[in-house]
Amino acid sequence: MDSFALKAFTSHAGSCDPEDAIHLPQLLPPNGQTRKLSILVNSSGRYTSMQIHGMKKIPCSNVSHGARIAYDKQCVADLSDIPPGTTDILITLDDDFREETTRLKVMIPPPGL
């Protein structure tokens, strides 16, 4: 991989609870290419999908390189059509018995920032 991940969030409404936090991703498009958001997930082998507010679910793929000690799925979204600002992202894990969904609030910066 030619990038790194930073787990950063800011408190919301005076709460330090990560469930209410606004996550701040690092977006560094190589050579002016399309901005993409990549989220690594510890799925424990379950089917995993990502949904950005108002869009269809995007299937996540297996991590194919490096040590998979903590994260085994990678969810990648093209941010070209996502307006800047805070948006909800849903990560869904499905083991064919039930679905488990986690909501993240993510700050999408404007292009060029």
PDB file of N, CA and C in Angstrom:
ATOM      1  N   MET A   1       0.845  -1.177   0.000  1.00  0.00           N
ATOM      2  CA  MET A   1       0.000   0.000   0.000  1.00  0.00           C
ATOM      3  C   MET A   1       0.888   1.235   0.000  1.00  0.00           C
ATOM      4  N   ASP A   2       0.441   2.267  -0.682  1.00  0.00           N
ATOM      5  CA  ASP A   2       1.236   3.483  -0.750  1.00  0.00           C
ATOM      6  C   ASP A   2       0.651   4.602   0.107  1.00  0.00           C
ATOM      7  N   SER A   3      -0.137   4.236   1.095  1.00  0.00           N
ATOM      8  CA  SER A   3      -0.728   5.232   1.986  1.00  0.00           C
ATOM      9  C   SER A   3      -0.834   4.640   3.384  1.00  0.00           C
ATOM     10  N   PHE A   4      -1.344   5.413   4.292  1.00  0.00           N
ATOM     11  CA  PHE A   4      -1.500   4.924   5.647  1.00  0.00           C
ATOM     12  C   PHE A   4      -2.836   5.382   6.193  1.00  0.00           C
ATOM     13  N   ALA A   5      -3.250   4.796   7.297  1.00  0.00           N
ATOM     14  CA  ALA A   5      -4.534   5.141   7.900  1.00  0.00           C
ATOM     15  C   ALA A   5      -4.294   5.870   9.213  1.00  0.00           C
ATOM     16  N   LEU A   6      -5.163   6.780   9.489  1.00  0.00           N
ATOM     17  CA  LEU A   6      -5.108   7.522  10.738  1.00  0.00           C
ATOM     18  C   LEU A   6      -6.492   7.461  11.363  1.00  0.00           C
ATOM     19  N   LYS A   7      -6.598   6.883  12.533  1.00  0.00           N
ATOM     20  CA  LYS A   7      -7.878   6.808  13.249  1.00  0.00           C
ATOM     21  C   LYS A   7      -8.004   8.094  14.041  1.00  0.00           C
ATOM     22  N   ALA A   8      -8.748   9.041  13.502  1.00  0.00           N
ATOM     23  CA  ALA A   8      -8.902  10.332  14.157  1.00  0.00           C
ATOM     24  C   ALA A   8     -10.363  10.734  14.162  1.00  0.00           C
ATOM     25  N   PHE A   9     -10.789  11.267  15.279  1.00  0.00           N
ATOM     26  CA  PHE A   9     -12.158  11.779  15.337  1.00  0.00           C
ATOM     27  C   PHE A   9     -12.225  12.915  16.333  1.00  0.00           C
ATOM     28  N   THR A  10     -13.241  13.731  16.192  1.00  0.00           N
ATOM     29  CA  THR A  10     -13.429  14.854  17.106  1.00  0.00           C
ATOM     30  C   THR A  10     -14.710  14.631  17.890  1.00  0.00           C
ATOM     31  N   SER A  11     -14.756  15.097  19.093  1.00  0.00           N
ATOM     32  CA  SER A  11     -15.952  14.898  19.910  1.00  0.00           C
ATOM     33  C   SER A  11     -17.110  15.688  19.324  1.00  0.00           C
ATOM     34  N   HIS A  12     -18.301  15.257  19.619  1.00  0.00           N
ATOM     35  CA  HIS A  12     -19.512  15.893  19.102  1.00  0.00           C
ATOM     36  C   HIS A  12     -20.445  16.175  20.273  1.00  0.00           C
ATOM     37  N   ALA A  13     -20.906  17.385  20.386  1.00  0.00           N
ATOM     38  CA  ALA A  13     -21.848  17.791  21.442  1.00  0.00           C
ATOM     39  C   ALA A  13     -21.304  17.500  22.834  1.00  0.00           C
ATOM     40  N   GLY A  14     -19.992  17.697  23.014  1.00  0.00           N
ATOM     41  CA  GLY A  14     -19.390  17.532  24.323  1.00  0.00           C
ATOM     42  C   GLY A  14     -19.173  16.094  24.756  1.00  0.00           C
ATOM     43  N   SER A  15     -19.443  15.133  23.861  1.00  0.00           N
ATOM     44  CA  SER A  15     -19.287  13.727  24.201  1.00  0.00           C
ATOM     45  C   SER A  15     -17.997  13.183  23.599  1.00  0.00           C
ATOM     46  N   CYS A  16     -17.288  12.358  24.356  1.00  0.00           N
ATOM     47  CA  CYS A  16     -16.090  11.697  23.842  1.00  0.00           C
ATOM     48  C   CYS A  16     -16.402  10.284  23.365  1.00  0.00           C
ATOM     49  N   ASP A  17     -17.673   9.942  23.279  1.00  0.00           N
ATOM     50  CA  ASP A  17     -18.104   8.625  22.834  1.00  0.00           C
ATOM     51  C   ASP A  17     -17.837   8.487  21.331  1.00  0.00           C
ATOM     52  N   PRO A  18     -17.025   7.511  20.899  1.00  0.00           N
ATOM     53  CA  PRO A  18     -16.736   7.358  19.477  1.00  0.00           C
ATOM     54  C   PRO A  18     -17.988   7.150  18.611  1.00  0.00           C
ATOM     55  N   GLU A  19     -19.082   6.650  19.197  1.00  0.00           N
ATOM     56  CA  GLU A  19     -20.292   6.455  18.406  1.00  0.00           C
ATOM     57  C   GLU A  19     -20.873   7.777  17.942  1.00  0.00           C
ATOM     58  N   ASP A  20     -20.640   8.857  18.677  1.00  0.00           N
ATOM     59  CA  ASP A  20     -21.139  10.172  18.295  1.00  0.00           C
ATOM     60  C   ASP A  20     -20.060  11.030  17.642  1.00  0.00           C
ATOM     61  N   ALA A  21     -18.871  10.482  17.462  1.00  0.00           N
ATOM     62  CA  ALA A  21     -17.746  11.254  16.955  1.00  0.00           C
ATOM     63  C   ALA A  21     -17.853  11.488  15.456  1.00  0.00           C
ATOM     64  N   ILE A  22     -17.178  12.510  14.993  1.00  0.00           N
ATOM     65  CA  ILE A  22     -17.046  12.772  13.564  1.00  0.00           C
ATOM     66  C   ILE A  22     -15.646  12.330  13.164  1.00  0.00           C
ATOM     67  N   HIS A  23     -15.560  11.338  12.295  1.00  0.00           N
ATOM     68  CA  HIS A  23     -14.284  10.771  11.873  1.00  0.00           C
ATOM     69  C   HIS A  23     -13.676  11.616  10.761  1.00  0.00           C
ATOM     70  N   LEU A  24     -12.367  11.790  10.821  1.00  0.00           N
ATOM     71  CA  LEU A  24     -11.642  12.632   9.885  1.00  0.00           C
ATOM     72  C   LEU A  24     -10.711  11.776   9.037  1.00  0.00           C
ATOM     73  N   PRO A  25     -11.110  11.444   7.806  1.00  0.00           N
ATOM     74  CA  PRO A  25     -10.250  10.579   6.983  1.00  0.00           C
ATOM     75  C   PRO A  25      -9.106  11.353   6.344  1.00  0.00           C
ATOM     76  N   GLN A  26      -8.070  10.623   5.975  1.00  0.00           N
ATOM     77  CA  GLN A  26      -6.975  11.197   5.204  1.00  0.00           C
ATOM     78  C   GLN A  26      -7.265  10.886   3.741  1.00  0.00           C
ATOM     79  N   LEU A  27      -7.388  11.900   2.897  1.00  0.00           N
ATOM     80  CA  LEU A  27      -7.655  11.711   1.480  1.00  0.00           C
ATOM     81  C   LEU A  27      -6.494  12.279   0.683  1.00  0.00           C
ATOM     82  N   LEU A  28      -5.694  11.402   0.135  1.00  0.00           N
ATOM     83  CA  LEU A  28      -4.557  11.829  -0.668  1.00  0.00           C
ATOM     84  C   LEU A  28      -4.618  11.134  -2.022  1.00  0.00           C
ATOM     85  N   PRO A  29      -5.286  11.756  -3.007  1.00  0.00           N
ATOM     86  CA  PRO A  29      -5.357  11.109  -4.316  1.00  0.00           C
ATOM     87  C   PRO A  29      -4.005  11.155  -5.019  1.00  0.00           C
ATOM     88  N   PRO A  30      -3.534  10.024  -5.520  1.00  0.00           N
ATOM     89  CA  PRO A  30      -2.246  10.029  -6.217  1.00  0.00           C
ATOM     90  C   PRO A  30      -2.367  10.706  -7.581  1.00  0.00           C
ATOM     91  N   ASN A  31      -1.505  11.667  -7.853  1.00  0.00           N
ATOM     92  CA  ASN A  31      -1.409  12.324  -9.154  1.00  0.00           C
ATOM     93  C   ASN A  31      -2.738  12.859  -9.675  1.00  0.00           C
ATOM     94  N   GLY A  32      -3.557  13.430  -8.802  1.00  0.00           N
ATOM     95  CA  GLY A  32      -4.799  14.056  -9.239  1.00  0.00           C
ATOM     96  C   GLY A  32      -5.892  13.090  -9.650  1.00  0.00           C
ATOM     97  N   GLN A  33      -5.757  11.823  -9.324  1.00  0.00           N
ATOM     98  CA  GLN A  33      -6.782  10.848  -9.679  1.00  0.00           C
ATOM     99  C   GLN A  33      -8.009  11.041  -8.801  1.00  0.00           C
ATOM    100  N   THR A  34      -9.037  10.258  -9.071  1.00  0.00           N
ATOM    101  CA  THR A  34     -10.277  10.331  -8.313  1.00  0.00           C
ATOM    102  C   THR A  34     -10.023  10.105  -6.833  1.00  0.00           C
ATOM    103  N   ARG A  35     -10.676  10.915  -6.013  1.00  0.00           N
ATOM    104  CA  ARG A  35     -10.548  10.752  -4.561  1.00  0.00           C
ATOM    105  C   ARG A  35     -11.336   9.515  -4.134  1.00  0.00           C
ATOM    106  N   LYS A  36     -10.689   8.687  -3.349  1.00  0.00           N
ATOM    107  CA  LYS A  36     -11.338   7.474  -2.864  1.00  0.00           C
ATOM    108  C   LYS A  36     -11.186   7.398  -1.357  1.00  0.00           C
ATOM    109  N   LEU A  37     -12.210   6.862  -0.727  1.00  0.00           N
ATOM    110  CA  LEU A  37     -12.175   6.613   0.707  1.00  0.00           C
ATOM    111  C   LEU A  37     -12.048   5.114   0.899  1.00  0.00           C
ATOM    112  N   SER A  38     -11.072   4.697   1.661  1.00  0.00           N
ATOM    113  CA  SER A  38     -10.841   3.285   1.938  1.00  0.00           C
ATOM    114  C   SER A  38     -10.991   3.049   3.435  1.00  0.00           C
ATOM    115  N   ILE A  39     -11.857   2.111   3.799  1.00  0.00           N
ATOM    116  CA  ILE A  39     -12.066   1.759   5.202  1.00  0.00           C
ATOM    117  C   ILE A  39     -11.718   0.292   5.375  1.00  0.00           C
ATOM    118  N   LEU A  40     -10.821   0.004   6.319  1.00  0.00           N
ATOM    119  CA  LEU A  40     -10.452  -1.372   6.636  1.00  0.00           C
ATOM    120  C   LEU A  40     -11.332  -1.865   7.775  1.00  0.00           C
ATOM    121  N   VAL A  41     -11.804  -3.103   7.649  1.00  0.00           N
ATOM    122  CA  VAL A  41     -12.774  -3.657   8.592  1.00  0.00           C
ATOM    123  C   VAL A  41     -12.297  -5.012   9.095  1.00  0.00           C
ATOM    124  N   ASN A  42     -12.477  -5.254  10.383  1.00  0.00           N
ATOM    125  CA  ASN A  42     -12.273  -6.582  10.948  1.00  0.00           C
ATOM    126  C   ASN A  42     -13.626  -7.278  10.895  1.00  0.00           C
ATOM    127  N   SER A  43     -13.837  -8.087   9.869  1.00  0.00           N
ATOM    128  CA  SER A  43     -15.151  -8.702   9.641  1.00  0.00           C
ATOM    129  C   SER A  43     -15.264 -10.117  10.204  1.00  0.00           C
ATOM    130  N   SER A  44     -14.155 -10.685  10.642  1.00  0.00           N
ATOM    131  CA  SER A  44     -14.123 -12.086  11.089  1.00  0.00           C
ATOM    132  C   SER A  44     -14.676 -13.012  10.015  1.00  0.00           C
ATOM    133  N   GLY A  45     -14.384 -12.685   8.751  1.00  0.00           N
ATOM    134  CA  GLY A  45     -14.773 -13.541   7.640  1.00  0.00           C
ATOM    135  C   GLY A  45     -16.197 -13.361   7.142  1.00  0.00           C
ATOM    136  N   ARG A  46     -16.933 -12.409   7.698  1.00  0.00           N
ATOM    137  CA  ARG A  46     -18.323 -12.207   7.271  1.00  0.00           C
ATOM    138  C   ARG A  46     -18.396 -11.370   5.994  1.00  0.00           C
ATOM    139  N   TYR A  47     -19.522 -11.515   5.268  1.00  0.00           N
ATOM    140  CA  TYR A  47     -19.780 -10.659   4.112  1.00  0.00           C
ATOM    141  C   TYR A  47     -19.883  -9.234   4.624  1.00  0.00           C
ATOM    142  N   THR A  48     -19.213  -8.302   3.951  1.00  0.00           N
ATOM    143  CA  THR A  48     -19.150  -6.924   4.430  1.00  0.00           C
ATOM    144  C   THR A  48     -19.518  -5.967   3.304  1.00  0.00           C
ATOM    145  N   SER A  49     -20.304  -4.951   3.650  1.00  0.00           N
ATOM    146  CA  SER A  49     -20.647  -3.921   2.672  1.00  0.00           C
ATOM    147  C   SER A  49     -20.604  -2.553   3.339  1.00  0.00           C
ATOM    148  N   MET A  50     -20.482  -1.521   2.499  1.00  0.00           N
ATOM    149  CA  MET A  50     -20.445  -0.140   2.963  1.00  0.00           C
ATOM    150  C   MET A  50     -21.516   0.632   2.208  1.00  0.00           C
ATOM    151  N   GLN A  51     -22.195   1.526   2.911  1.00  0.00           N
ATOM    152  CA  GLN A  51     -23.200   2.378   2.273  1.00  0.00           C
ATOM    153  C   GLN A  51     -23.012   3.808   2.747  1.00  0.00           C
ATOM    154  N   ILE A  52     -22.784   4.705   1.794  1.00  0.00           N
ATOM    155  CA  ILE A  52     -22.691   6.123   2.103  1.00  0.00           C
ATOM    156  C   ILE A  52     -24.089   6.689   1.982  1.00  0.00           C
ATOM    157  N   HIS A  53     -24.466   7.555   2.897  1.00  0.00           N
ATOM    158  CA  HIS A  53     -25.823   8.105   2.984  1.00  0.00           C
ATOM    159  C   HIS A  53     -26.409   8.403   1.609  1.00  0.00           C
ATOM    160  N   GLY A  54     -27.554   7.779   1.316  1.00  0.00           N
ATOM    161  CA  GLY A  54     -28.265   8.044   0.080  1.00  0.00           C
ATOM    162  C   GLY A  54     -27.768   7.290  -1.139  1.00  0.00           C
ATOM    163  N   MET A  55     -26.781   6.414  -0.989  1.00  0.00           N
ATOM    164  CA  MET A  55     -26.250   5.664  -2.128  1.00  0.00           C
ATOM    165  C   MET A  55     -26.478   4.175  -1.908  1.00  0.00           C
ATOM    166  N   LYS A  56     -26.269   3.392  -2.960  1.00  0.00           N
ATOM    167  CA  LYS A  56     -26.446   1.942  -2.843  1.00  0.00           C
ATOM    168  C   LYS A  56     -25.274   1.328  -2.074  1.00  0.00           C
ATOM    169  N   LYS A  57     -25.504   0.105  -1.567  1.00  0.00           N
ATOM    170  CA  LYS A  57     -24.452  -0.608  -0.841  1.00  0.00           C
ATOM    171  C   LYS A  57     -23.322  -0.984  -1.788  1.00  0.00           C
ATOM    172  N   ILE A  58     -22.101  -0.863  -1.275  1.00  0.00           N
ATOM    173  CA  ILE A  58     -20.902  -1.221  -2.022  1.00  0.00           C
ATOM    174  C   ILE A  58     -20.307  -2.450  -1.339  1.00  0.00           C
ATOM    175  N   PRO A  59     -20.131  -3.560  -2.070  1.00  0.00           N
ATOM    176  CA  PRO A  59     -19.503  -4.725  -1.432  1.00  0.00           C
ATOM    177  C   PRO A  59     -18.034  -4.452  -1.135  1.00  0.00           C
ATOM    178  N   CYS A  60     -17.562  -4.980  -0.026  1.00  0.00           N
ATOM    179  CA  CYS A  60     -16.161  -4.834   0.369  1.00  0.00           C
ATOM    180  C   CYS A  60     -15.407  -6.071  -0.079  1.00  0.00           C
ATOM    181  N   SER A  61     -14.126  -5.926  -0.308  1.00  0.00           N
ATOM    182  CA  SER A  61     -13.324  -7.047  -0.798  1.00  0.00           C
ATOM    183  C   SER A  61     -12.333  -7.508   0.266  1.00  0.00           C
ATOM    184  N   ASN A  62     -11.804  -8.709   0.059  1.00  0.00           N
ATOM    185  CA  ASN A  62     -10.792  -9.241   0.963  1.00  0.00           C
ATOM    186  C   ASN A  62      -9.511  -8.437   0.819  1.00  0.00           C
ATOM    187  N   VAL A  63      -8.831  -8.209   1.927  1.00  0.00           N
ATOM    188  CA  VAL A  63      -7.517  -7.571   1.887  1.00  0.00           C
ATOM    189  C   VAL A  63      -6.570  -8.595   1.283  1.00  0.00           C
ATOM    190  N   SER A  64      -5.880  -8.201   0.229  1.00  0.00           N
ATOM    191  CA  SER A  64      -5.084  -9.182  -0.505  1.00  0.00           C
ATOM    192  C   SER A  64      -3.579  -9.054  -0.293  1.00  0.00           C
ATOM    193  N   HIS A  65      -3.152  -8.085   0.508  1.00  0.00           N
ATOM    194  CA  HIS A  65      -1.719  -7.903   0.689  1.00  0.00           C
ATOM    195  C   HIS A  65      -1.416  -7.587   2.152  1.00  0.00           C
ATOM    196  N   GLY A  66      -0.211  -7.896   2.540  1.00  0.00           N
ATOM    197  CA  GLY A  66       0.211  -7.592   3.904  1.00  0.00           C
ATOM    198  C   GLY A  66      -0.387  -8.545   4.924  1.00  0.00           C
ATOM    199  N   ALA A  67       0.002  -8.351   6.157  1.00  0.00           N
ATOM    200  CA  ALA A  67      -0.502  -9.167   7.263  1.00  0.00           C
ATOM    201  C   ALA A  67      -1.936  -8.768   7.573  1.00  0.00           C
ATOM    202  N   ARG A  68      -2.808  -9.754   7.706  1.00  0.00           N
ATOM    203  CA  ARG A  68      -4.212  -9.487   8.004  1.00  0.00           C
ATOM    204  C   ARG A  68      -4.503  -9.827   9.458  1.00  0.00           C
ATOM    205  N   ILE A  69      -3.755  -9.251  10.352  1.00  0.00           N
ATOM    206  CA  ILE A  69      -3.926  -9.558  11.765  1.00  0.00           C
ATOM    207  C   ILE A  69      -5.227  -8.973  12.288  1.00  0.00           C
ATOM    208  N   ALA A  70      -5.502  -7.731  11.983  1.00  0.00           N
ATOM    209  CA  ALA A  70      -6.692  -7.080  12.521  1.00  0.00           C
ATOM    210  C   ALA A  70      -7.767  -6.851  11.470  1.00  0.00           C
ATOM    211  N   TYR A  71      -7.390  -6.528  10.256  1.00  0.00           N
ATOM    212  CA  TYR A  71      -8.366  -6.152   9.235  1.00  0.00           C
ATOM    213  C   TYR A  71      -8.322  -7.131   8.073  1.00  0.00           C
ATOM    214  N   ASP A  72      -9.486  -7.680   7.713  1.00  0.00           N
ATOM    215  CA  ASP A  72      -9.520  -8.640   6.624  1.00  0.00           C
ATOM    216  C   ASP A  72     -10.369  -8.185   5.439  1.00  0.00           C
ATOM    217  N   LYS A  73     -11.056  -7.057   5.551  1.00  0.00           N
ATOM    218  CA  LYS A  73     -11.863  -6.518   4.447  1.00  0.00           C
ATOM    219  C   LYS A  73     -11.482  -5.068   4.190  1.00  0.00           C
ATOM    220  N   GLN A  74     -11.599  -4.657   2.925  1.00  0.00           N
ATOM    221  CA  GLN A  74     -11.363  -3.275   2.544  1.00  0.00           C
ATOM    222  C   GLN A  74     -12.578  -2.780   1.767  1.00  0.00           C
ATOM    223  N   CYS A  75     -13.138  -1.665   2.232  1.00  0.00           N
ATOM    224  CA  CYS A  75     -14.291  -1.046   1.588  1.00  0.00           C
ATOM    225  C   CYS A  75     -13.796   0.244   0.938  1.00  0.00           C
ATOM    226  N   VAL A  76     -14.002   0.373  -0.362  1.00  0.00           N
ATOM    227  CA  VAL A  76     -13.502   1.533  -1.104  1.00  0.00           C
ATOM    228  C   VAL A  76     -14.660   2.227  -1.797  1.00  0.00           C
ATOM    229  N   ALA A  77     -14.737   3.548  -1.633  1.00  0.00           N
ATOM    230  CA  ALA A  77     -15.797   4.337  -2.266  1.00  0.00           C
ATOM    231  C   ALA A  77     -15.198   5.496  -3.038  1.00  0.00           C
ATOM    232  N   ASP A  78     -15.737   5.736  -4.218  1.00  0.00           N
ATOM    233  CA  ASP A  78     -15.371   6.897  -5.030  1.00  0.00           C
ATOM    234  C   ASP A  78     -16.126   8.097  -4.463  1.00  0.00           C
ATOM    235  N   LEU A  79     -15.402   9.142  -4.126  1.00  0.00           N
ATOM    236  CA  LEU A  79     -16.016  10.314  -3.503  1.00  0.00           C
ATOM    237  C   LEU A  79     -16.316  11.439  -4.497  1.00  0.00           C
ATOM    238  N   SER A  80     -16.200  11.169  -5.788  1.00  0.00           N
ATOM    239  CA  SER A  80     -16.409  12.207  -6.798  1.00  0.00           C
ATOM    240  C   SER A  80     -17.769  12.882  -6.680  1.00  0.00           C
ATOM    241  N   ASP A  81     -18.817  12.114  -6.379  1.00  0.00           N
ATOM    242  CA  ASP A  81     -20.173  12.657  -6.330  1.00  0.00           C
ATOM    243  C   ASP A  81     -20.663  12.935  -4.916  1.00  0.00           C
ATOM    244  N   ILE A  82     -19.784  12.821  -3.931  1.00  0.00           N
ATOM    245  CA  ILE A  82     -20.173  13.067  -2.545  1.00  0.00           C
ATOM    246  C   ILE A  82     -19.849  14.519  -2.205  1.00  0.00           C
ATOM    247  N   PRO A  83     -20.850  15.307  -1.806  1.00  0.00           N
ATOM    248  CA  PRO A  83     -20.569  16.708  -1.470  1.00  0.00           C
ATOM    249  C   PRO A  83     -19.757  16.806  -0.174  1.00  0.00           C
ATOM    250  N   PRO A  84     -18.932  17.849  -0.053  1.00  0.00           N
ATOM    251  CA  PRO A  84     -18.169  18.046   1.183  1.00  0.00           C
ATOM    252  C   PRO A  84     -19.116  18.218   2.375  1.00  0.00           C
ATOM    253  N   GLY A  85     -18.649  17.815   3.539  1.00  0.00           N
ATOM    254  CA  GLY A  85     -19.431  17.949   4.763  1.00  0.00           C
ATOM    255  C   GLY A  85     -19.483  16.638   5.510  1.00  0.00           C
ATOM    256  N   THR A  86     -20.267  16.612   6.559  1.00  0.00           N
ATOM    257  CA  THR A  86     -20.395  15.413   7.376  1.00  0.00           C
ATOM    258  C   THR A  86     -21.454  14.496   6.778  1.00  0.00           C
ATOM    259  N   THR A  87     -21.116  13.231   6.636  1.00  0.00           N
ATOM    260  CA  THR A  87     -22.051  12.265   6.082  1.00  0.00           C
ATOM    261  C   THR A  87     -21.993  10.977   6.890  1.00  0.00           C
ATOM    262  N   ASP A  88     -23.066  10.208   6.852  1.00  0.00           N
ATOM    263  CA  ASP A  88     -23.113   8.919   7.533  1.00  0.00           C
ATOM    264  C   ASP A  88     -22.638   7.819   6.594  1.00  0.00           C
ATOM    265  N   ILE A  89     -21.833   6.922   7.130  1.00  0.00           N
ATOM    266  CA  ILE A  89     -21.404   5.736   6.401  1.00  0.00           C
ATOM    267  C   ILE A  89     -21.798   4.535   7.253  1.00  0.00           C
ATOM    268  N   LEU A  90     -22.477   3.587   6.627  1.00  0.00           N
ATOM    269  CA  LEU A  90     -22.891   2.369   7.322  1.00  0.00           C
ATOM    270  C   LEU A  90     -22.007   1.216   6.869  1.00  0.00           C
ATOM    271  N   ILE A  91     -21.430   0.501   7.818  1.00  0.00           N
ATOM    272  CA  ILE A  91     -20.665  -0.709   7.554  1.00  0.00           C
ATOM    273  C   ILE A  91     -21.521  -1.867   8.056  1.00  0.00           C
ATOM    274  N   THR A  92     -21.862  -2.797   7.153  1.00  0.00           N
ATOM    275  CA  THR A  92     -22.732  -3.917   7.510  1.00  0.00           C
ATOM    276  C   THR A  92     -21.968  -5.226   7.395  1.00  0.00           C
ATOM    277  N   LEU A  93     -22.023  -6.027   8.454  1.00  0.00           N
ATOM    278  CA  LEU A  93     -21.430  -7.363   8.489  1.00  0.00           C
ATOM    279  C   LEU A  93     -22.576  -8.365   8.503  1.00  0.00           C
ATOM    280  N   ASP A  94     -22.491  -9.384   7.638  1.00  0.00           N
ATOM    281  CA  ASP A  94     -23.579 -10.351   7.495  1.00  0.00           C
ATOM    282  C   ASP A  94     -23.004 -11.763   7.493  1.00  0.00           C
ATOM    283  N   ASP A  95     -23.457 -12.593   8.441  1.00  0.00           N
ATOM    284  CA  ASP A  95     -22.990 -13.976   8.501  1.00  0.00           C
ATOM    285  C   ASP A  95     -24.070 -14.958   8.039  1.00  0.00           C
ATOM    286  N   ASP A  96     -25.087 -14.485   7.313  1.00  0.00           N
ATOM    287  CA  ASP A  96     -26.222 -15.253   6.801  1.00  0.00           C
ATOM    288  C   ASP A  96     -27.239 -15.600   7.884  1.00  0.00           C
ATOM    289  N   PHE A  97     -26.997 -15.206   9.122  1.00  0.00           N
ATOM    290  CA  PHE A  97     -27.981 -15.386  10.181  1.00  0.00           C
ATOM    291  C   PHE A  97     -28.575 -14.044  10.585  1.00  0.00           C
ATOM    292  N   ARG A  98     -27.717 -13.037  10.693  1.00  0.00           N
ATOM    293  CA  ARG A  98     -28.182 -11.688  11.014  1.00  0.00           C
ATOM    294  C   ARG A  98     -27.158 -10.676  10.525  1.00  0.00           C
ATOM    295  N   GLU A  99     -27.610  -9.450  10.401  1.00  0.00           N
ATOM    296  CA  GLU A  99     -26.729  -8.362  10.005  1.00  0.00           C
ATOM    297  C   GLU A  99     -26.374  -7.518  11.220  1.00  0.00           C
ATOM    298  N   GLU A 100     -25.136  -7.056  11.250  1.00  0.00           N
ATOM    299  CA  GLU A 100     -24.654  -6.151  12.294  1.00  0.00           C
ATOM    300  C   GLU A 100     -24.167  -4.880  11.588  1.00  0.00           C
ATOM    301  N   THR A 101     -24.761  -3.743  11.919  1.00  0.00           N
ATOM    302  CA  THR A 101     -24.432  -2.502  11.238  1.00  0.00           C
ATOM    303  C   THR A 101     -23.812  -1.496  12.198  1.00  0.00           C
ATOM    304  N   THR A 102     -22.743  -0.857  11.742  1.00  0.00           N
ATOM    305  CA  THR A 102     -22.075   0.193  12.494  1.00  0.00           C
ATOM    306  C   THR A 102     -22.166   1.485  11.693  1.00  0.00           C
ATOM    307  N   ARG A 103     -22.556   2.553  12.352  1.00  0.00           N
ATOM    308  CA  ARG A 103     -22.666   3.859  11.697  1.00  0.00           C
ATOM    309  C   ARG A 103     -21.458   4.706  12.071  1.00  0.00           C
ATOM    310  N   LEU A 104     -20.838   5.300  11.054  1.00  0.00           N
ATOM    311  CA  LEU A 104     -19.736   6.232  11.251  1.00  0.00           C
ATOM    312  C   LEU A 104     -20.149   7.581  10.684  1.00  0.00           C
ATOM    313  N   LYS A 105     -19.876   8.647  11.410  1.00  0.00           N
ATOM    314  CA  LYS A 105     -20.042   9.997  10.862  1.00  0.00           C
ATOM    315  C   LYS A 105     -18.670  10.418  10.362  1.00  0.00           C
ATOM    316  N   VAL A 106     -18.591  10.737   9.078  1.00  0.00           N
ATOM    317  CA  VAL A 106     -17.299  11.042   8.460  1.00  0.00           C
ATOM    318  C   VAL A 106     -17.344  12.432   7.838  1.00  0.00           C
ATOM    319  N   MET A 107     -16.316  13.219   8.099  1.00  0.00           N
ATOM    320  CA  MET A 107     -16.187  14.540   7.493  1.00  0.00           C
ATOM    321  C   MET A 107     -15.489  14.389   6.154  1.00  0.00           C
ATOM    322  N   ILE A 108     -16.193  14.684   5.063  1.00  0.00           N
ATOM    323  CA  ILE A 108     -15.619  14.639   3.722  1.00  0.00           C
ATOM    324  C   ILE A 108     -15.146  16.056   3.381  1.00  0.00           C
ATOM    325  N   PRO A 109     -13.835  16.252   3.255  1.00  0.00           N
ATOM    326  CA  PRO A 109     -13.330  17.596   2.943  1.00  0.00           C
ATOM    327  C   PRO A 109     -13.590  17.961   1.481  1.00  0.00           C
ATOM    328  N   PRO A 110     -13.583  19.243   1.159  1.00  0.00           N
ATOM    329  CA  PRO A 110     -13.752  19.637  -0.235  1.00  0.00           C
ATOM    330  C   PRO A 110     -12.546  19.211  -1.068  1.00  0.00           C
ATOM    331  N   PRO A 111     -12.739  19.031  -2.376  1.00  0.00           N
ATOM    332  CA  PRO A 111     -11.601  18.654  -3.239  1.00  0.00           C
ATOM    333  C   PRO A 111     -10.477  19.678  -3.118  1.00  0.00           C
ATOM    334  N   GLY A 112      -9.251  19.172  -3.177  1.00  0.00           N
ATOM    335  CA  GLY A 112      -8.091  20.049  -3.110  1.00  0.00           C
ATOM    336  C   GLY A 112      -7.640  20.397  -1.711  1.00  0.00           C
ATOM    337  N   LEU A 113      -8.360  19.898  -0.709  1.00  0.00           N
ATOM    338  CA  LEU A 113      -7.969  20.187   0.670  1.00  0.00           C
ATOM    339  C   LEU A 113      -7.243  19.026   1.273  1.00  0.00           C
TER     340      LEU A 113
END
